[in-house]
């Protein structure tokens, strides 16, 4: 792992954190998680286990620290860690197609749903939060899925185009050529 990759991953996480903090909480303090979108972009760009681990841990801790959901620190860490590696597995299976925009949007949507289910399950079972699972799934996770898919559709082409212009080599840029 080189310094350029670390800097770009840090930039992705910081943009995600900024968007995460700026978006107001809805329905009991839950909010769409743009850190998740940036984590997915980072995994698509840097397809190795070390990078996925680093993105999962940093994204989980930072989103846990900024969580507006009561007791959301540990569920965020658990959620990001599991989601990152499941997403990485899906990207590895679809390696030739994962960098294509429609596939990336679909993967982001599925990853967001998985993340929401894991977060809510962890909040209910680990913390003992008394939250209505299906109501939050319908009112928070589904809108977050749409927002994350749209954010991915806007941000991913911009980031990959900038990386091509700067001659930055990685998995997604190499597969897009």
C-alpha atoms as a PDB file:
ATOM      1  CA  UNK A   1       0.000   0.000   0.000  1.00  0.00           C
ATOM      2  CA  UNK A   2       1.560   3.285  -1.029  1.00  0.00           C
ATOM      3  CA  UNK A   3       1.136   6.839   0.204  1.00  0.00           C
ATOM      4  CA  UNK A   4      -0.931   7.929  -2.811  1.00  0.00           C
ATOM      5  CA  UNK A   5      -3.527   5.252  -2.083  1.00  0.00           C
ATOM      6  CA  UNK A   6      -3.659   6.176   1.604  1.00  0.00           C
ATOM      7  CA  UNK A   7      -4.127   9.860   0.788  1.00  0.00           C
ATOM      8  CA  UNK A   8      -6.934   9.154  -1.667  1.00  0.00           C
ATOM      9  CA  UNK A   9      -8.663   6.806   0.784  1.00  0.00           C
ATOM     10  CA  UNK A  10      -8.368   9.486   3.487  1.00  0.00           C
ATOM     11  CA  UNK A  11      -9.895  12.042   1.118  1.00  0.00           C
ATOM     12  CA  UNK A  12     -12.791   9.718   0.318  1.00  0.00           C
ATOM     13  CA  UNK A  13     -13.452   9.061   4.002  1.00  0.00           C
ATOM     14  CA  UNK A  14     -13.231  12.771   4.843  1.00  0.00           C
ATOM     15  CA  UNK A  15     -15.675  13.733   2.072  1.00  0.00           C
ATOM     16  CA  UNK A  16     -18.003  11.013   3.329  1.00  0.00           C
ATOM     17  CA  UNK A  17     -17.657  12.263   6.910  1.00  0.00           C
ATOM     18  CA  UNK A  18     -18.407  15.834   5.847  1.00  0.00           C
ATOM     19  CA  UNK A  19     -21.540  14.767   3.999  1.00  0.00           C
ATOM     20  CA  UNK A  20     -22.544  12.512   6.901  1.00  0.00           C
ATOM     21  CA  UNK A  21     -22.291  15.361   9.413  1.00  0.00           C
ATOM     22  CA  UNK A  22     -24.113  17.857   7.197  1.00  0.00           C
ATOM     23  CA  UNK A  23     -27.147  15.640   6.478  1.00  0.00           C
ATOM     24  CA  UNK A  24     -29.795  15.993   9.226  1.00  0.00           C
ATOM     25  CA  UNK A  25     -31.114  12.912  11.029  1.00  0.00           C
ATOM     26  CA  UNK A  26     -34.581  11.604  10.176  1.00  0.00           C
ATOM     27  CA  UNK A  27     -37.010   9.284  11.924  1.00  0.00           C
ATOM     28  CA  UNK A  28     -35.443   8.877  15.338  1.00  0.00           C
ATOM     29  CA  UNK A  29     -32.010  10.265  14.479  1.00  0.00           C
ATOM     30  CA  UNK A  30     -31.144   7.882  11.637  1.00  0.00           C
ATOM     31  CA  UNK A  31     -29.636   9.426   8.523  1.00  0.00           C
ATOM     32  CA  UNK A  32     -28.557   8.425   5.041  1.00  0.00           C
ATOM     33  CA  UNK A  33     -24.947   7.288   5.260  1.00  0.00           C
ATOM     34  CA  UNK A  34     -22.831   8.930   2.600  1.00  0.00           C
ATOM     35  CA  UNK A  35     -19.727   7.540   4.311  1.00  0.00           C
ATOM     36  CA  UNK A  36     -20.980   4.194   3.082  1.00  0.00           C
ATOM     37  CA  UNK A  37     -21.052   5.470  -0.502  1.00  0.00           C
ATOM     38  CA  UNK A  38     -17.500   6.750  -0.210  1.00  0.00           C
ATOM     39  CA  UNK A  39     -16.406   3.441   1.335  1.00  0.00           C
ATOM     40  CA  UNK A  40     -17.922   1.608  -1.650  1.00  0.00           C
ATOM     41  CA  UNK A  41     -16.105   3.910  -4.069  1.00  0.00           C
ATOM     42  CA  UNK A  42     -12.865   3.287  -2.156  1.00  0.00           C
ATOM     43  CA  UNK A  43     -13.352  -0.478  -2.346  1.00  0.00           C
ATOM     44  CA  UNK A  44     -13.989  -0.275  -6.092  1.00  0.00           C
ATOM     45  CA  UNK A  45     -10.850   1.803  -6.543  1.00  0.00           C
ATOM     46  CA  UNK A  46      -8.571  -0.193  -4.229  1.00  0.00           C
ATOM     47  CA  UNK A  47      -9.390  -3.880  -4.507  1.00  0.00           C
ATOM     48  CA  UNK A  48      -7.126  -5.435  -1.928  1.00  0.00           C
ATOM     49  CA  UNK A  49      -7.840  -6.788   1.543  1.00  0.00           C
ATOM     50  CA  UNK A  50      -5.614  -4.268   3.359  1.00  0.00           C
ATOM     51  CA  UNK A  51      -7.395  -1.321   1.778  1.00  0.00           C
ATOM     52  CA  UNK A  52     -10.830  -2.813   2.455  1.00  0.00           C
ATOM     53  CA  UNK A  53      -9.889  -3.422   6.085  1.00  0.00           C
ATOM     54  CA  UNK A  54      -8.574   0.131   6.473  1.00  0.00           C
ATOM     55  CA  UNK A  55     -11.639   1.661   4.811  1.00  0.00           C
ATOM     56  CA  UNK A  56     -14.005  -0.481   6.912  1.00  0.00           C
ATOM     57  CA  UNK A  57     -12.371   0.379  10.228  1.00  0.00           C
ATOM     58  CA  UNK A  58     -11.989   4.113   9.600  1.00  0.00           C
ATOM     59  CA  UNK A  59     -15.451   4.498   8.120  1.00  0.00           C
ATOM     60  CA  UNK A  60     -17.003   2.499  10.965  1.00  0.00           C
ATOM     61  CA  UNK A  61     -15.272   4.469  13.707  1.00  0.00           C
ATOM     62  CA  UNK A  62     -15.915   7.878  12.179  1.00  0.00           C
ATOM     63  CA  UNK A  63     -19.562   7.174  11.383  1.00  0.00           C
ATOM     64  CA  UNK A  64     -19.940   5.717  14.884  1.00  0.00           C
ATOM     65  CA  UNK A  65     -18.496   8.869  16.437  1.00  0.00           C
ATOM     66  CA  UNK A  66     -20.846  11.095  14.455  1.00  0.00           C
ATOM     67  CA  UNK A  67     -23.892   8.858  14.739  1.00  0.00           C
ATOM     68  CA  UNK A  68     -27.080  10.607  15.790  1.00  0.00           C
ATOM     69  CA  UNK A  69     -28.700   7.249  16.581  1.00  0.00           C
ATOM     70  CA  UNK A  70     -28.648   6.588  20.360  1.00  0.00           C
ATOM     71  CA  UNK A  71     -25.972   3.978  21.057  1.00  0.00           C
ATOM     72  CA  UNK A  72     -24.978   3.880  17.390  1.00  0.00           C
ATOM     73  CA  UNK A  73     -21.197   3.632  17.858  1.00  0.00           C
ATOM     74  CA  UNK A  74     -20.779  -0.146  18.006  1.00  0.00           C
ATOM     75  CA  UNK A  75     -23.534  -0.979  15.505  1.00  0.00           C
ATOM     76  CA  UNK A  76     -21.806   1.360  13.011  1.00  0.00           C
ATOM     77  CA  UNK A  77     -18.457  -0.387  13.428  1.00  0.00           C
ATOM     78  CA  UNK A  78     -20.011  -3.849  13.095  1.00  0.00           C
ATOM     79  CA  UNK A  79     -22.113  -2.757  10.132  1.00  0.00           C
ATOM     80  CA  UNK A  80     -19.270  -1.153   8.157  1.00  0.00           C
ATOM     81  CA  UNK A  81     -16.876  -4.025   8.762  1.00  0.00           C
ATOM     82  CA  UNK A  82     -19.268  -6.753   7.612  1.00  0.00           C
ATOM     83  CA  UNK A  83     -20.678  -4.682   4.745  1.00  0.00           C
ATOM     84  CA  UNK A  84     -17.209  -3.761   3.450  1.00  0.00           C
ATOM     85  CA  UNK A  85     -16.089  -7.358   3.145  1.00  0.00           C
ATOM     86  CA  UNK A  86     -19.366  -8.587   1.652  1.00  0.00           C
ATOM     87  CA  UNK A  87     -19.185  -5.717  -0.869  1.00  0.00           C
ATOM     88  CA  UNK A  88     -15.539  -6.606  -1.568  1.00  0.00           C
ATOM     89  CA  UNK A  89     -16.577 -10.211  -2.192  1.00  0.00           C
ATOM     90  CA  UNK A  90     -19.261  -9.089  -4.647  1.00  0.00           C
ATOM     91  CA  UNK A  91     -16.798  -6.785  -6.403  1.00  0.00           C
ATOM     92  CA  UNK A  92     -14.270  -9.634  -6.620  1.00  0.00           C
ATOM     93  CA  UNK A  93     -16.890 -11.929  -8.156  1.00  0.00           C
ATOM     94  CA  UNK A  94     -17.855  -9.268 -10.696  1.00  0.00           C
ATOM     95  CA  UNK A  95     -14.316  -7.971 -11.178  1.00  0.00           C
ATOM     96  CA  UNK A  96     -14.610  -7.229 -14.902  1.00  0.00           C
ATOM     97  CA  UNK A  97     -17.978  -5.487 -14.592  1.00  0.00           C
ATOM     98  CA  UNK A  98     -17.863  -3.856 -11.148  1.00  0.00           C
ATOM     99  CA  UNK A  99     -16.365  -0.592 -12.429  1.00  0.00           C
ATOM    100  CA  UNK A 100     -19.211  -0.126 -14.922  1.00  0.00           C
ATOM    101  CA  UNK A 101     -21.617   2.510 -13.641  1.00  0.00           C
ATOM    102  CA  UNK A 102     -24.880   0.483 -13.696  1.00  0.00           C
ATOM    103  CA  UNK A 103     -23.228  -2.442 -11.899  1.00  0.00           C
ATOM    104  CA  UNK A 104     -21.637  -0.093  -9.375  1.00  0.00           C
ATOM    105  CA  UNK A 105     -24.994   1.551  -8.669  1.00  0.00           C
ATOM    106  CA  UNK A 106     -26.630  -1.851  -8.178  1.00  0.00           C
ATOM    107  CA  UNK A 107     -23.814  -2.979  -5.871  1.00  0.00           C
ATOM    108  CA  UNK A 108     -24.083   0.270  -3.906  1.00  0.00           C
ATOM    109  CA  UNK A 109     -27.836  -0.177  -3.526  1.00  0.00           C
ATOM    110  CA  UNK A 110     -27.466  -3.777  -2.362  1.00  0.00           C
ATOM    111  CA  UNK A 111     -24.634  -2.796  -0.027  1.00  0.00           C
ATOM    112  CA  UNK A 112     -26.729  -0.008   1.466  1.00  0.00           C
ATOM    113  CA  UNK A 113     -29.632  -2.361   2.155  1.00  0.00           C
ATOM    114  CA  UNK A 114     -27.241  -4.888   3.706  1.00  0.00           C
ATOM    115  CA  UNK A 115     -25.663  -2.146   5.801  1.00  0.00           C
ATOM    116  CA  UNK A 116     -29.044  -0.938   7.040  1.00  0.00           C
ATOM    117  CA  UNK A 117     -30.154  -4.435   7.972  1.00  0.00           C
ATOM    118  CA  UNK A 118     -26.898  -5.141   9.818  1.00  0.00           C
ATOM    119  CA  UNK A 119     -26.985  -1.778  11.612  1.00  0.00           C
ATOM    120  CA  UNK A 120     -30.585  -2.183  12.769  1.00  0.00           C
ATOM    121  CA  UNK A 121     -29.999  -5.810  13.788  1.00  0.00           C
ATOM    122  CA  UNK A 122     -26.893  -4.870  15.756  1.00  0.00           C
ATOM    123  CA  UNK A 123     -28.729  -1.988  17.429  1.00  0.00           C
ATOM    124  CA  UNK A 124     -31.588  -4.280  18.435  1.00  0.00           C
ATOM    125  CA  UNK A 125     -29.600  -7.339  19.530  1.00  0.00           C
ATOM    126  CA  UNK A 126     -26.392  -5.861  20.947  1.00  0.00           C
ATOM    127  CA  UNK A 127     -27.567  -2.605  22.473  1.00  0.00           C
ATOM    128  CA  UNK A 128     -31.125  -3.702  23.088  1.00  0.00           C
ATOM    129  CA  UNK A 129     -32.541  -0.684  21.288  1.00  0.00           C
ATOM    130  CA  UNK A 130     -36.310  -0.671  21.189  1.00  0.00           C
ATOM    131  CA  UNK A 131     -36.774   0.282  17.527  1.00  0.00           C
ATOM    132  CA  UNK A 132     -39.346  -0.906  14.987  1.00  0.00           C
ATOM    133  CA  UNK A 133     -37.174  -2.819  12.497  1.00  0.00           C
ATOM    134  CA  UNK A 134     -39.533  -2.910   9.498  1.00  0.00           C
ATOM    135  CA  UNK A 135     -40.648   0.691   9.934  1.00  0.00           C
ATOM    136  CA  UNK A 136     -37.047   1.933  10.010  1.00  0.00           C
ATOM    137  CA  UNK A 137     -36.145  -0.329   7.116  1.00  0.00           C
ATOM    138  CA  UNK A 138     -38.931   1.204   5.025  1.00  0.00           C
ATOM    139  CA  UNK A 139     -38.568   4.818   6.157  1.00  0.00           C
ATOM    140  CA  UNK A 140     -34.800   5.154   6.502  1.00  0.00           C
ATOM    141  CA  UNK A 141     -32.967   2.336   4.703  1.00  0.00           C
ATOM    142  CA  UNK A 142     -34.968   2.444   1.461  1.00  0.00           C
ATOM    143  CA  UNK A 143     -34.609   6.257   1.055  1.00  0.00           C
ATOM    144  CA  UNK A 144     -30.914   5.948   1.997  1.00  0.00           C
ATOM    145  CA  UNK A 145     -30.532   3.306  -0.716  1.00  0.00           C
ATOM    146  CA  UNK A 146     -31.935   5.662  -3.330  1.00  0.00           C
ATOM    147  CA  UNK A 147     -29.795   8.576  -2.119  1.00  0.00           C
ATOM    148  CA  UNK A 148     -26.622   6.477  -1.961  1.00  0.00           C
ATOM    149  CA  UNK A 149     -27.255   5.101  -5.465  1.00  0.00           C
ATOM    150  CA  UNK A 150     -27.754   8.624  -6.808  1.00  0.00           C
ATOM    151  CA  UNK A 151     -24.673   9.907  -4.979  1.00  0.00           C
ATOM    152  CA  UNK A 152     -22.625   7.027  -6.369  1.00  0.00           C
ATOM    153  CA  UNK A 153     -23.928   7.724  -9.894  1.00  0.00           C
ATOM    154  CA  UNK A 154     -22.734  11.328  -9.621  1.00  0.00           C
ATOM    155  CA  UNK A 155     -19.466  10.881  -7.716  1.00  0.00           C
ATOM    156  CA  UNK A 156     -17.938   7.699  -9.151  1.00  0.00           C
ATOM    157  CA  UNK A 157     -17.568   8.934 -12.767  1.00  0.00           C
ATOM    158  CA  UNK A 158     -16.072  12.204 -11.536  1.00  0.00           C
ATOM    159  CA  UNK A 159     -13.547  10.453  -9.297  1.00  0.00           C
ATOM    160  CA  UNK A 160     -12.517   7.919 -11.944  1.00  0.00           C
ATOM    161  CA  UNK A 161     -12.167  10.648 -14.579  1.00  0.00           C
ATOM    162  CA  UNK A 162      -9.955  12.681 -12.252  1.00  0.00           C
ATOM    163  CA  UNK A 163      -7.853   9.614 -11.549  1.00  0.00           C
ATOM    164  CA  UNK A 164      -7.413   8.911 -15.268  1.00  0.00           C
ATOM    165  CA  UNK A 165      -6.324  12.493 -15.889  1.00  0.00           C
ATOM    166  CA  UNK A 166      -3.792  12.311 -13.093  1.00  0.00           C
ATOM    167  CA  UNK A 167      -2.440   8.964 -14.403  1.00  0.00           C
ATOM    168  CA  UNK A 168      -3.346   7.314 -11.112  1.00  0.00           C
ATOM    169  CA  UNK A 169      -3.346   3.535 -11.592  1.00  0.00           C
ATOM    170  CA  UNK A 170      -5.778   1.355  -9.661  1.00  0.00           C
ATOM    171  CA  UNK A 171      -8.297  -1.422 -10.219  1.00  0.00           C
ATOM    172  CA  UNK A 172     -11.260   0.627 -11.422  1.00  0.00           C
ATOM    173  CA  UNK A 173      -9.279   2.906 -13.709  1.00  0.00           C
ATOM    174  CA  UNK A 174      -7.394  -0.039 -15.232  1.00  0.00           C
ATOM    175  CA  UNK A 175     -10.640  -1.985 -15.820  1.00  0.00           C
ATOM    176  CA  UNK A 176     -12.352   1.036 -17.390  1.00  0.00           C
ATOM    177  CA  UNK A 177      -9.722   1.308 -20.144  1.00  0.00           C
END
